[in-house]
Amino acid sequence: MAYYLHEATPDVADRFVAAVESAVGSILNAPDRWRVIEEPGIRRYVFKRYPYVLYYQWDVEKAFVTIFAIMHCSREPGYWKHRLI
């Protein structure tokens, strides 16, 4: 994500930030839309135009979404798992 914010053109960076904001909005509007990919209830949103995925958890009882990572697909899978509460 830092690449788009620091190395790309302002237009590209703006579109990436808009894609992240749209992803978060989609998740907040329908948090159970994306399937659980691993326990404890971790879900994955896949970006359409960018090689990124967003990992999050939906707590039904608290009506609360926790985002753990927005990860580039070339990163080592699971590098973010230490962030689980």
PDB file of N, CA and C in Angstrom:
ATOM      1  N   MET A   1       0.824  -1.173   0.000  1.00  0.00           N
ATOM      2  CA  MET A   1       0.000   0.000   0.000  1.00  0.00           C
ATOM      3  C   MET A   1       0.876   1.247   0.000  1.00  0.00           C
ATOM      4  N   ALA A   2       1.998   1.196   0.656  1.00  0.00           N
ATOM      5  CA  ALA A   2       2.890   2.354   0.713  1.00  0.00           C
ATOM      6  C   ALA A   2       3.349   2.757  -0.683  1.00  0.00           C
ATOM      7  N   TYR A   3       3.513   1.779  -1.574  1.00  0.00           N
ATOM      8  CA  TYR A   3       3.943   2.097  -2.931  1.00  0.00           C
ATOM      9  C   TYR A   3       2.979   3.073  -3.590  1.00  0.00           C
ATOM     10  N   TYR A   4       1.691   2.775  -3.538  1.00  0.00           N
ATOM     11  CA  TYR A   4       0.709   3.638  -4.180  1.00  0.00           C
ATOM     12  C   TYR A   4       0.674   5.022  -3.547  1.00  0.00           C
ATOM     13  N   LEU A   5       0.883   5.089  -2.260  1.00  0.00           N
ATOM     14  CA  LEU A   5       0.817   6.368  -1.565  1.00  0.00           C
ATOM     15  C   LEU A   5       2.076   7.217  -1.749  1.00  0.00           C
ATOM     16  N   HIS A   6       3.233   6.578  -1.984  1.00  0.00           N
ATOM     17  CA  HIS A   6       4.488   7.322  -2.042  1.00  0.00           C
ATOM     18  C   HIS A   6       5.175   7.296  -3.403  1.00  0.00           C
ATOM     19  N   GLU A   7       4.960   6.258  -4.193  1.00  0.00           N
ATOM     20  CA  GLU A   7       5.706   6.104  -5.438  1.00  0.00           C
ATOM     21  C   GLU A   7       4.865   6.302  -6.699  1.00  0.00           C
ATOM     22  N   ALA A   8       3.574   6.121  -6.615  1.00  0.00           N
ATOM     23  CA  ALA A   8       2.720   6.229  -7.799  1.00  0.00           C
ATOM     24  C   ALA A   8       2.291   7.680  -8.000  1.00  0.00           C
ATOM     25  N   THR A   9       1.638   7.915  -9.109  1.00  0.00           N
ATOM     26  CA  THR A   9       1.119   9.258  -9.353  1.00  0.00           C
ATOM     27  C   THR A   9      -0.006   9.548  -8.368  1.00  0.00           C
ATOM     28  N   PRO A  10      -0.278  10.808  -8.108  1.00  0.00           N
ATOM     29  CA  PRO A  10      -1.379  11.142  -7.192  1.00  0.00           C
ATOM     30  C   PRO A  10      -2.711  10.540  -7.634  1.00  0.00           C
ATOM     31  N   ASP A  11      -2.945  10.462  -8.935  1.00  0.00           N
ATOM     32  CA  ASP A  11      -4.196   9.892  -9.440  1.00  0.00           C
ATOM     33  C   ASP A  11      -4.303   8.401  -9.108  1.00  0.00           C
ATOM     34  N   VAL A  12      -3.218   7.679  -9.320  1.00  0.00           N
ATOM     35  CA  VAL A  12      -3.203   6.240  -9.003  1.00  0.00           C
ATOM     36  C   VAL A  12      -3.380   6.034  -7.507  1.00  0.00           C
ATOM     37  N   ALA A  13      -2.686   6.827  -6.717  1.00  0.00           N
ATOM     38  CA  ALA A  13      -2.808   6.726  -5.259  1.00  0.00           C
ATOM     39  C   ALA A  13      -4.237   7.019  -4.814  1.00  0.00           C
ATOM     40  N   ASP A  14      -4.855   8.040  -5.399  1.00  0.00           N
ATOM     41  CA  ASP A  14      -6.244   8.382  -5.055  1.00  0.00           C
ATOM     42  C   ASP A  14      -7.193   7.241  -5.394  1.00  0.00           C
ATOM     43  N   ARG A  15      -6.974   6.610  -6.551  1.00  0.00           N
ATOM     44  CA  ARG A  15      -7.844   5.486  -6.940  1.00  0.00           C
ATOM     45  C   ARG A  15      -7.662   4.292  -6.021  1.00  0.00           C
ATOM     46  N   PHE A  16      -6.428   4.059  -5.574  1.00  0.00           N
ATOM     47  CA  PHE A  16      -6.197   2.957  -4.647  1.00  0.00           C
ATOM     48  C   PHE A  16      -6.864   3.226  -3.305  1.00  0.00           C
ATOM     49  N   VAL A  17      -6.696   4.434  -2.787  1.00  0.00           N
ATOM     50  CA  VAL A  17      -7.346   4.792  -1.517  1.00  0.00           C
ATOM     51  C   VAL A  17      -8.857   4.684  -1.659  1.00  0.00           C
ATOM     52  N   ALA A  18      -9.404   5.104  -2.797  1.00  0.00           N
ATOM     53  CA  ALA A  18     -10.846   4.978  -3.034  1.00  0.00           C
ATOM     54  C   ALA A  18     -11.260   3.510  -3.055  1.00  0.00           C
ATOM     55  N   ALA A  19     -10.419   2.633  -3.624  1.00  0.00           N
ATOM     56  CA  ALA A  19     -10.733   1.200  -3.648  1.00  0.00           C
ATOM     57  C   ALA A  19     -10.746   0.627  -2.232  1.00  0.00           C
ATOM     58  N   VAL A  20      -9.805   1.058  -1.392  1.00  0.00           N
ATOM     59  CA  VAL A  20      -9.778   0.597  -0.001  1.00  0.00           C
ATOM     60  C   VAL A  20     -11.019   1.091   0.738  1.00  0.00           C
ATOM     61  N   GLU A  21     -11.357   2.357   0.565  1.00  0.00           N
ATOM     62  CA  GLU A  21     -12.545   2.905   1.218  1.00  0.00           C
ATOM     63  C   GLU A  21     -13.811   2.192   0.746  1.00  0.00           C
ATOM     64  N   SER A  22     -13.883   1.885  -0.541  1.00  0.00           N
ATOM     65  CA  SER A  22     -15.032   1.159  -1.073  1.00  0.00           C
ATOM     66  C   SER A  22     -15.116  -0.249  -0.481  1.00  0.00           C
ATOM     67  N   ALA A  23     -13.963  -0.902  -0.359  1.00  0.00           N
ATOM     68  CA  ALA A  23     -13.923  -2.248   0.227  1.00  0.00           C
ATOM     69  C   ALA A  23     -14.426  -2.217   1.662  1.00  0.00           C
ATOM     70  N   VAL A  24     -13.937  -1.264   2.437  1.00  0.00           N
ATOM     71  CA  VAL A  24     -14.361  -1.146   3.837  1.00  0.00           C
ATOM     72  C   VAL A  24     -15.865  -0.859   3.901  1.00  0.00           C
ATOM     73  N   GLY A  25     -16.349   0.016   3.036  1.00  0.00           N
ATOM     74  CA  GLY A  25     -17.787   0.302   2.993  1.00  0.00           C
ATOM     75  C   GLY A  25     -18.609  -0.930   2.650  1.00  0.00           C
ATOM     76  N   SER A  26     -18.142  -1.702   1.679  1.00  0.00           N
ATOM     77  CA  SER A  26     -18.845  -2.934   1.308  1.00  0.00           C
ATOM     78  C   SER A  26     -18.888  -3.921   2.462  1.00  0.00           C
ATOM     79  N   ILE A  27     -17.776  -4.041   3.159  1.00  0.00           N
ATOM     80  CA  ILE A  27     -17.707  -4.950   4.309  1.00  0.00           C
ATOM     81  C   ILE A  27     -18.649  -4.485   5.409  1.00  0.00           C
ATOM     82  N   LEU A  28     -18.663  -3.196   5.681  1.00  0.00           N
ATOM     83  CA  LEU A  28     -19.543  -2.682   6.741  1.00  0.00           C
ATOM     84  C   LEU A  28     -21.018  -2.834   6.380  1.00  0.00           C
ATOM     85  N   ASN A  29     -21.340  -2.732   5.094  1.00  0.00           N
ATOM     86  CA  ASN A  29     -22.736  -2.880   4.656  1.00  0.00           C
ATOM     87  C   ASN A  29     -23.221  -4.323   4.689  1.00  0.00           C
ATOM     88  N   ALA A  30     -22.323  -5.263   4.460  1.00  0.00           N
ATOM     89  CA  ALA A  30     -22.701  -6.688   4.441  1.00  0.00           C
ATOM     90  C   ALA A  30     -21.518  -7.521   4.937  1.00  0.00           C
ATOM     91  N   PRO A  31     -21.206  -7.461   6.222  1.00  0.00           N
ATOM     92  CA  PRO A  31     -19.995  -8.110   6.739  1.00  0.00           C
ATOM     93  C   PRO A  31     -19.967  -9.627   6.615  1.00  0.00           C
ATOM     94  N   ASP A  32     -21.121 -10.250   6.499  1.00  0.00           N
ATOM     95  CA  ASP A  32     -21.127 -11.713   6.375  1.00  0.00           C
ATOM     96  C   ASP A  32     -21.190 -12.178   4.922  1.00  0.00           C
ATOM     97  N   ARG A  33     -21.054 -11.264   3.984  1.00  0.00           N
ATOM     98  CA  ARG A  33     -21.107 -11.601   2.554  1.00  0.00           C
ATOM     99  C   ARG A  33     -19.928 -12.474   2.132  1.00  0.00           C
ATOM    100  N   TRP A  34     -18.744 -12.208   2.669  1.00  0.00           N
ATOM    101  CA  TRP A  34     -17.559 -12.961   2.294  1.00  0.00           C
ATOM    102  C   TRP A  34     -17.382 -14.113   3.269  1.00  0.00           C
ATOM    103  N   ARG A  35     -16.998 -15.246   2.728  1.00  0.00           N
ATOM    104  CA  ARG A  35     -16.963 -16.470   3.534  1.00  0.00           C
ATOM    105  C   ARG A  35     -15.789 -16.484   4.503  1.00  0.00           C
ATOM    106  N   VAL A  36     -15.955 -17.264   5.542  1.00  0.00           N
ATOM    107  CA  VAL A  36     -14.884 -17.483   6.516  1.00  0.00           C
ATOM    108  C   VAL A  36     -13.839 -18.361   5.837  1.00  0.00           C
ATOM    109  N   ILE A  37     -12.590 -17.906   5.860  1.00  0.00           N
ATOM    110  CA  ILE A  37     -11.524 -18.680   5.223  1.00  0.00           C
ATOM    111  C   ILE A  37     -10.653 -19.404   6.237  1.00  0.00           C
ATOM    112  N   GLU A  38     -10.701 -18.948   7.481  1.00  0.00           N
ATOM    113  CA  GLU A  38      -9.984 -19.651   8.548  1.00  0.00           C
ATOM    114  C   GLU A  38     -10.498 -19.184   9.899  1.00  0.00           C
ATOM    115  N   GLU A  39     -10.301 -20.010  10.867  1.00  0.00           N
ATOM    116  CA  GLU A  39     -10.774 -19.696  12.213  1.00  0.00           C
ATOM    117  C   GLU A  39      -9.765 -18.809  12.923  1.00  0.00           C
ATOM    118  N   PRO A  40     -10.173 -17.930  13.776  1.00  0.00           N
ATOM    119  CA  PRO A  40     -11.518 -17.771  14.319  1.00  0.00           C
ATOM    120  C   PRO A  40     -12.356 -16.757  13.525  1.00  0.00           C
ATOM    121  N   GLY A  41     -13.064 -17.208  12.539  1.00  0.00           N
ATOM    122  CA  GLY A  41     -13.986 -16.369  11.787  1.00  0.00           C
ATOM    123  C   GLY A  41     -13.339 -15.313  10.910  1.00  0.00           C
ATOM    124  N   ILE A  42     -12.149 -15.592  10.399  1.00  0.00           N
ATOM    125  CA  ILE A  42     -11.455 -14.626   9.550  1.00  0.00           C
ATOM    126  C   ILE A  42     -12.004 -14.722   8.130  1.00  0.00           C
ATOM    127  N   ARG A  43     -12.364 -13.569   7.583  1.00  0.00           N
ATOM    128  CA  ARG A  43     -12.904 -13.482   6.234  1.00  0.00           C
ATOM    129  C   ARG A  43     -11.928 -12.717   5.349  1.00  0.00           C
ATOM    130  N   ARG A  44     -12.081 -12.905   4.020  1.00  0.00           N
ATOM    131  CA  ARG A  44     -11.164 -12.263   3.083  1.00  0.00           C
ATOM    132  C   ARG A  44     -11.942 -11.567   1.972  1.00  0.00           C
ATOM    133  N   TYR A  45     -11.655 -10.295   1.792  1.00  0.00           N
ATOM    134  CA  TYR A  45     -12.190  -9.508   0.685  1.00  0.00           C
ATOM    135  C   TYR A  45     -11.064  -9.385  -0.343  1.00  0.00           C
ATOM    136  N   VAL A  46     -11.335  -9.747  -1.601  1.00  0.00           N
ATOM    137  CA  VAL A  46     -10.334  -9.679  -2.666  1.00  0.00           C
ATOM    138  C   VAL A  46     -10.613  -8.447  -3.521  1.00  0.00           C
ATOM    139  N   PHE A  47      -9.616  -7.591  -3.662  1.00  0.00           N
ATOM    140  CA  PHE A  47      -9.761  -6.405  -4.508  1.00  0.00           C
ATOM    141  C   PHE A  47      -9.816  -6.816  -5.977  1.00  0.00           C
ATOM    142  N   LYS A  48     -10.591  -6.087  -6.758  1.00  0.00           N
ATOM    143  CA  LYS A  48     -10.747  -6.426  -8.174  1.00  0.00           C
ATOM    144  C   LYS A  48      -9.632  -5.851  -9.042  1.00  0.00           C
ATOM    145  N   ARG A  49      -9.231  -4.616  -8.807  1.00  0.00           N
ATOM    146  CA  ARG A  49      -8.262  -3.948  -9.678  1.00  0.00           C
ATOM    147  C   ARG A  49      -6.838  -3.958  -9.142  1.00  0.00           C
ATOM    148  N   TYR A  50      -6.658  -4.354  -7.928  1.00  0.00           N
ATOM    149  CA  TYR A  50      -5.342  -4.301  -7.297  1.00  0.00           C
ATOM    150  C   TYR A  50      -5.003  -5.663  -6.704  1.00  0.00           C
ATOM    151  N   PRO A  51      -3.719  -6.007  -6.659  1.00  0.00           N
ATOM    152  CA  PRO A  51      -3.317  -7.319  -6.132  1.00  0.00           C
ATOM    153  C   PRO A  51      -3.262  -7.338  -4.606  1.00  0.00           C
ATOM    154  N   TYR A  52      -4.390  -7.033  -3.999  1.00  0.00           N
ATOM    155  CA  TYR A  52      -4.484  -6.963  -2.543  1.00  0.00           C
ATOM    156  C   TYR A  52      -5.690  -7.755  -2.052  1.00  0.00           C
ATOM    157  N   VAL A  53      -5.596  -8.192  -0.810  1.00  0.00           N
ATOM    158  CA  VAL A  53      -6.728  -8.787  -0.106  1.00  0.00           C
ATOM    159  C   VAL A  53      -6.841  -8.102   1.249  1.00  0.00           C
ATOM    160  N   LEU A  54      -8.032  -8.091   1.786  1.00  0.00           N
ATOM    161  CA  LEU A  54      -8.293  -7.485   3.091  1.00  0.00           C
ATOM    162  C   LEU A  54      -8.815  -8.584   4.000  1.00  0.00           C
ATOM    163  N   TYR A  55      -8.143  -8.795   5.121  1.00  0.00           N
ATOM    164  CA  TYR A  55      -8.562  -9.803   6.090  1.00  0.00           C
ATOM    165  C   TYR A  55      -9.283  -9.112   7.242  1.00  0.00           C
ATOM    166  N   TYR A  56     -10.450  -9.658   7.590  1.00  0.00           N
ATOM    167  CA  TYR A  56     -11.233  -9.042   8.664  1.00  0.00           C
ATOM    168  C   TYR A  56     -12.036 -10.101   9.411  1.00  0.00           C
ATOM    169  N   GLN A  57     -12.578  -9.677  10.531  1.00  0.00           N
ATOM    170  CA  GLN A  57     -13.415 -10.548  11.359  1.00  0.00           C
ATOM    171  C   GLN A  57     -14.693  -9.792  11.710  1.00  0.00           C
ATOM    172  N   TRP A  58     -15.811 -10.471  11.608  1.00  0.00           N
ATOM    173  CA  TRP A  58     -17.127  -9.900  11.915  1.00  0.00           C
ATOM    174  C   TRP A  58     -17.619 -10.509  13.209  1.00  0.00           C
ATOM    175  N   ASP A  59     -17.818  -9.669  14.218  1.00  0.00           N
ATOM    176  CA  ASP A  59     -18.367 -10.104  15.499  1.00  0.00           C
ATOM    177  C   ASP A  59     -19.859  -9.811  15.476  1.00  0.00           C
ATOM    178  N   VAL A  60     -20.661 -10.840  15.277  1.00  0.00           N
ATOM    179  CA  VAL A  60     -22.111 -10.690  15.144  1.00  0.00           C
ATOM    180  C   VAL A  60     -22.723 -10.118  16.415  1.00  0.00           C
ATOM    181  N   GLU A  61     -22.309 -10.633  17.562  1.00  0.00           N
ATOM    182  CA  GLU A  61     -22.896 -10.202  18.834  1.00  0.00           C
ATOM    183  C   GLU A  61     -22.665  -8.718  19.117  1.00  0.00           C
ATOM    184  N   LYS A  62     -21.480  -8.230  18.780  1.00  0.00           N
ATOM    185  CA  LYS A  62     -21.158  -6.823  19.026  1.00  0.00           C
ATOM    186  C   LYS A  62     -21.431  -5.932  17.821  1.00  0.00           C
ATOM    187  N   ALA A  63     -21.786  -6.551  16.686  1.00  0.00           N
ATOM    188  CA  ALA A  63     -21.966  -5.823  15.419  1.00  0.00           C
ATOM    189  C   ALA A  63     -20.731  -4.970  15.142  1.00  0.00           C
ATOM    190  N   PHE A  64     -19.563  -5.643  15.154  1.00  0.00           N
ATOM    191  CA  PHE A  64     -18.284  -4.951  15.072  1.00  0.00           C
ATOM    192  C   PHE A  64     -17.370  -5.664  14.078  1.00  0.00           C
ATOM    193  N   VAL A  65     -16.715  -4.885  13.206  1.00  0.00           N
ATOM    194  CA  VAL A  65     -15.765  -5.429  12.242  1.00  0.00           C
ATOM    195  C   VAL A  65     -14.355  -5.039  12.672  1.00  0.00           C
ATOM    196  N   THR A  66     -13.454  -6.021  12.680  1.00  0.00           N
ATOM    197  CA  THR A  66     -12.036  -5.764  12.951  1.00  0.00           C
ATOM    198  C   THR A  66     -11.257  -6.101  11.688  1.00  0.00           C
ATOM    199  N   ILE A  67     -10.512  -5.134  11.177  1.00  0.00           N
ATOM    200  CA  ILE A  67      -9.658  -5.360  10.011  1.00  0.00           C
ATOM    201  C   ILE A  67      -8.255  -5.662  10.515  1.00  0.00           C
ATOM    202  N   PHE A  68      -7.716  -6.798  10.069  1.00  0.00           N
ATOM    203  CA  PHE A  68      -6.395  -7.221  10.520  1.00  0.00           C
ATOM    204  C   PHE A  68      -5.293  -6.863   9.539  1.00  0.00           C
ATOM    205  N   ALA A  69      -5.602  -6.875   8.233  1.00  0.00           N
ATOM    206  CA  ALA A  69      -4.557  -6.581   7.257  1.00  0.00           C
ATOM    207  C   ALA A  69      -5.160  -6.251   5.901  1.00  0.00           C
ATOM    208  N   ILE A  70      -4.464  -5.374   5.201  1.00  0.00           N
ATOM    209  CA  ILE A  70      -4.669  -5.177   3.768  1.00  0.00           C
ATOM    210  C   ILE A  70      -3.340  -5.620   3.179  1.00  0.00           C
ATOM    211  N   MET A  71      -3.332  -6.809   2.579  1.00  0.00           N
ATOM    212  CA  MET A  71      -2.091  -7.476   2.222  1.00  0.00           C
ATOM    213  C   MET A  71      -1.909  -7.568   0.712  1.00  0.00           C
ATOM    214  N   HIS A  72      -0.713  -7.242   0.243  1.00  0.00           N
ATOM    215  CA  HIS A  72      -0.363  -7.454  -1.158  1.00  0.00           C
ATOM    216  C   HIS A  72      -0.253  -8.958  -1.378  1.00  0.00           C
ATOM    217  N   CYS A  73      -0.730  -9.420  -2.497  1.00  0.00           N
ATOM    218  CA  CYS A  73      -0.774 -10.868  -2.756  1.00  0.00           C
ATOM    219  C   CYS A  73       0.609 -11.505  -2.907  1.00  0.00           C
ATOM    220  N   SER A  74       1.643 -10.712  -3.085  1.00  0.00           N
ATOM    221  CA  SER A  74       2.986 -11.287  -3.170  1.00  0.00           C
ATOM    222  C   SER A  74       3.647 -11.449  -1.805  1.00  0.00           C
ATOM    223  N   ARG A  75       3.001 -10.949  -0.746  1.00  0.00           N
ATOM    224  CA  ARG A  75       3.556 -11.104   0.606  1.00  0.00           C
ATOM    225  C   ARG A  75       3.430 -12.545   1.061  1.00  0.00           C
ATOM    226  N   GLU A  76       4.218 -12.888   2.054  1.00  0.00           N
ATOM    227  CA  GLU A  76       4.153 -14.221   2.629  1.00  0.00           C
ATOM    228  C   GLU A  76       2.794 -14.419   3.288  1.00  0.00           C
ATOM    229  N   PRO A  77       2.051 -15.445   2.879  1.00  0.00           N
ATOM    230  CA  PRO A  77       0.735 -15.668   3.488  1.00  0.00           C
ATOM    231  C   PRO A  77       0.854 -15.842   5.000  1.00  0.00           C
ATOM    232  N   GLY A  78      -0.066 -15.242   5.700  1.00  0.00           N
ATOM    233  CA  GLY A  78      -0.117 -15.415   7.145  1.00  0.00           C
ATOM    234  C   GLY A  78       0.788 -14.494   7.936  1.00  0.00           C
ATOM    235  N   TYR A  79       1.523 -13.597   7.270  1.00  0.00           N
ATOM    236  CA  TYR A  79       2.422 -12.715   8.010  1.00  0.00           C
ATOM    237  C   TYR A  79       1.672 -11.843   9.031  1.00  0.00           C
ATOM    238  N   TRP A  80       0.409 -11.641   8.800  1.00  0.00           N
ATOM    239  CA  TRP A  80      -0.412 -10.744   9.621  1.00  0.00           C
ATOM    240  C   TRP A  80      -1.053 -11.454  10.808  1.00  0.00           C
ATOM    241  N   LYS A  81      -0.961 -12.756  10.892  1.00  0.00           N
ATOM    242  CA  LYS A  81      -1.715 -13.518  11.902  1.00  0.00           C
ATOM    243  C   LYS A  81      -1.344 -13.173  13.345  1.00  0.00           C
ATOM    244  N   HIS A  82      -0.181 -12.608  13.560  1.00  0.00           N
ATOM    245  CA  HIS A  82       0.186 -12.209  14.920  1.00  0.00           C
ATOM    246  C   HIS A  82      -0.721 -11.077  15.426  1.00  0.00           C
ATOM    247  N   ARG A  83      -1.468 -10.442  14.528  1.00  0.00           N
ATOM    248  CA  ARG A  83      -2.348  -9.350  14.900  1.00  0.00           C
ATOM    249  C   ARG A  83      -3.687  -9.811  15.485  1.00  0.00           C
ATOM    250  N   LEU A  84      -3.974 -11.104  15.391  1.00  0.00           N
ATOM    251  CA  LEU A  84      -5.235 -11.624  15.911  1.00  0.00           C
ATOM    252  C   LEU A  84      -5.302 -11.394  17.406  1.00  0.00           C
ATOM    253  N   ILE A  85      -6.443 -10.982  17.837  1.00  0.00           N
ATOM    254  CA  ILE A  85      -6.665 -10.670  19.257  1.00  0.00           C
ATOM    255  C   ILE A  85      -6.954 -11.938  20.027  1.00  0.00           C
TER     256      ILE A  85
END
